[in-house]
Amino acid sequence: VQLQASGGGLVQPGGSLRLSCAASGFTFSGYWMHWVRQAPGKELERVGMINTSGYPKTYSESVRGRFTISRDNAKNTLYLQMNSLKSEDTAVYYCAAGQNRKITSWSPQSLSEFDYWGQGTQVTVSS
């Protein structure tokens, strides 16, 4: 199983980035997919999730209205379009796969429940 995140980098406040996560080794289309981030010195934070067909989508309050999660099951790829970026969005962004009840209900205990994790891509928002 491999989840390869890419697309991170340095961007100015107000800018945009699009992250990708290429999946292999498992049935991508059968899994809910997720983005999780970890800012320097902080705990992991769920950013968004998308079900197997593309809807529904759920976002954290901190990114709702600015970030859009999507997927292409034909390409086994997950995306995160990030607009209106802020300095507080600076973090390592991870993609993950999983769909038990704690995960789909956005339980605070869900972070330990994911089946698969990617290696992360760094996003730095700074002028």
Protein backbone atom coordinates (compact mmCIF):
# COMPACT_ATOMS: atom_id res chain seq x y z
CA VAL A 1 0.00 0.00 0.00
CA GLN A 2 1.29 3.43 -0.91
CA LEU A 3 -0.14 6.92 -0.58
CA GLN A 4 2.16 9.46 -2.23
CA ALA A 5 1.29 13.07 -1.43
CA SER A 6 2.72 15.89 -3.56
CA GLY A 7 2.14 19.51 -4.50
CA GLY A 8 3.29 21.24 -1.35
CA GLY A 9 5.56 24.24 -1.32
CA LEU A 10 5.99 27.85 -0.30
CA VAL A 11 3.12 30.22 -1.07
CA GLN A 12 2.26 33.76 -0.03
CA PRO A 13 -0.78 34.51 2.15
CA GLY A 14 -3.88 34.65 -0.02
CA GLY A 15 -2.38 32.28 -2.55
CA SER A 16 -3.44 28.83 -3.69
CA LEU A 17 -1.99 25.34 -3.88
CA ARG A 18 -3.33 22.02 -5.09
CA LEU A 19 -2.19 18.89 -3.32
CA SER A 20 -2.41 15.43 -4.88
CA CYS A 21 -2.24 12.00 -3.33
CA ALA A 22 -1.58 9.03 -5.60
CA ALA A 23 -2.79 5.73 -4.19
CA SER A 24 -1.70 2.21 -5.00
CA GLY A 25 -1.83 -1.26 -3.50
CA PHE A 26 -5.44 -1.16 -2.35
CA THR A 27 -8.89 -0.59 -3.82
CA PHE A 28 -8.90 3.21 -3.79
CA SER A 29 -12.49 3.50 -5.01
CA GLY A 30 -13.69 1.48 -2.03
CA TYR A 31 -12.29 3.78 0.64
CA TRP A 32 -13.30 7.09 2.11
CA MET A 33 -10.29 9.37 1.76
CA HIS A 34 -9.00 12.11 4.01
CA TRP A 35 -6.56 14.95 4.42
CA VAL A 36 -4.94 15.49 7.82
CA ARG A 37 -2.37 18.12 8.72
CA GLN A 38 0.12 18.79 11.48
CA ALA A 39 1.35 22.30 12.14
CA PRO A 40 4.70 22.84 13.88
CA GLY A 41 4.37 22.04 17.58
CA LYS A 42 0.71 21.10 17.27
CA GLU A 43 -1.33 17.92 17.18
CA LEU A 44 -2.71 16.28 14.09
CA GLU A 45 -5.82 17.99 12.74
CA ARG A 46 -8.33 16.55 10.32
CA VAL A 47 -8.90 18.83 7.34
CA GLY A 48 -11.44 17.09 5.15
CA MET A 49 -12.94 13.80 4.07
CA ILE A 50 -14.71 12.49 0.99
CA ASN A 51 -16.71 9.33 0.58
CA THR A 52 -16.15 6.70 -2.08
CA SER A 53 -18.29 8.34 -4.76
CA GLY A 54 -17.22 11.91 -4.13
CA TYR A 55 -20.15 13.02 -1.98
CA PRO A 56 -20.64 13.86 0.80
CA LYS A 57 -17.60 15.91 1.75
CA THR A 58 -16.83 17.18 5.22
CA TYR A 59 -14.41 19.91 6.24
CA SER A 60 -12.99 21.25 9.45
CA GLU A 61 -14.30 24.64 10.46
CA SER A 62 -10.84 26.14 10.00
CA VAL A 63 -10.77 25.43 6.25
CA ARG A 64 -14.44 25.32 5.25
CA GLY A 65 -15.11 27.63 2.31
CA ARG A 66 -11.43 27.84 1.36
CA PHE A 67 -10.41 24.21 0.75
CA THR A 68 -12.03 21.69 -1.58
CA ILE A 69 -11.41 17.95 -1.43
CA SER A 70 -12.01 15.84 -4.52
CA ARG A 71 -11.06 12.48 -5.98
CA ASP A 72 -10.62 10.76 -9.32
CA ASN A 73 -11.28 7.06 -8.86
CA ALA A 74 -10.15 6.32 -12.42
CA LYS A 75 -6.73 7.76 -11.60
CA ASN A 76 -6.61 6.52 -7.98
CA THR A 77 -5.87 10.07 -6.90
CA LEU A 78 -7.10 12.33 -4.12
CA TYR A 79 -6.85 16.12 -4.33
CA LEU A 80 -6.99 19.12 -2.01
CA GLN A 81 -7.47 22.53 -3.60
CA MET A 82 -6.41 25.17 -1.09
CA ASN A 83 -7.38 28.79 -1.72
CA SER A 84 -7.04 31.97 0.33
CA LEU A 85 -4.20 30.40 2.25
CA LYS A 86 -3.26 31.80 5.65
CA SER A 87 -0.09 31.53 7.71
CA GLU A 88 -1.95 29.21 10.09
CA ASP A 89 -2.38 26.72 7.24
CA THR A 90 1.37 26.05 7.39
CA ALA A 91 1.72 22.35 8.14
CA VAL A 92 2.67 18.96 6.82
CA TYR A 93 -0.35 17.61 4.97
CA TYR A 94 -1.05 13.88 4.94
CA CYS A 95 -3.55 11.85 2.99
CA ALA A 96 -5.15 8.87 4.68
CA ALA A 97 -7.71 6.15 4.00
CA GLY A 98 -10.33 4.67 6.29
CA GLN A 99 -14.04 4.51 6.93
CA ASN A 100 -15.05 3.07 10.26
CA ARG A 101 -17.76 4.74 12.30
CA LYS A 102 -15.37 6.90 14.32
CA ILE A 103 -13.80 8.21 11.12
CA THR A 104 -16.98 8.94 9.18
CA SER A 105 -18.59 10.58 12.23
CA TRP A 106 -15.53 12.82 12.62
CA SER A 107 -14.98 11.52 16.15
CA PRO A 108 -12.14 13.16 18.15
CA GLN A 109 -10.74 9.65 18.55
CA SER A 110 -10.65 8.99 14.80
CA LEU A 111 -7.03 9.92 14.16
CA SER A 112 -5.81 6.57 15.43
CA GLU A 113 -8.32 4.66 13.30
CA PHE A 114 -7.14 5.21 9.73
CA ASP A 115 -6.12 2.13 7.77
CA TYR A 116 -3.47 3.77 5.60
CA TRP A 117 -1.37 6.95 5.78
CA GLY A 118 0.74 8.79 3.22
CA GLN A 119 4.17 10.30 3.88
CA GLY A 120 3.13 13.97 3.94
CA THR A 121 3.92 17.08 1.93
CA GLN A 122 5.01 20.39 3.46
CA VAL A 123 2.93 23.51 2.90
CA THR A 124 4.41 26.80 4.05
CA VAL A 125 2.38 30.01 3.86
CA SER A 126 4.61 33.00 4.34
CA SER A 127 5.42 36.36 2.79
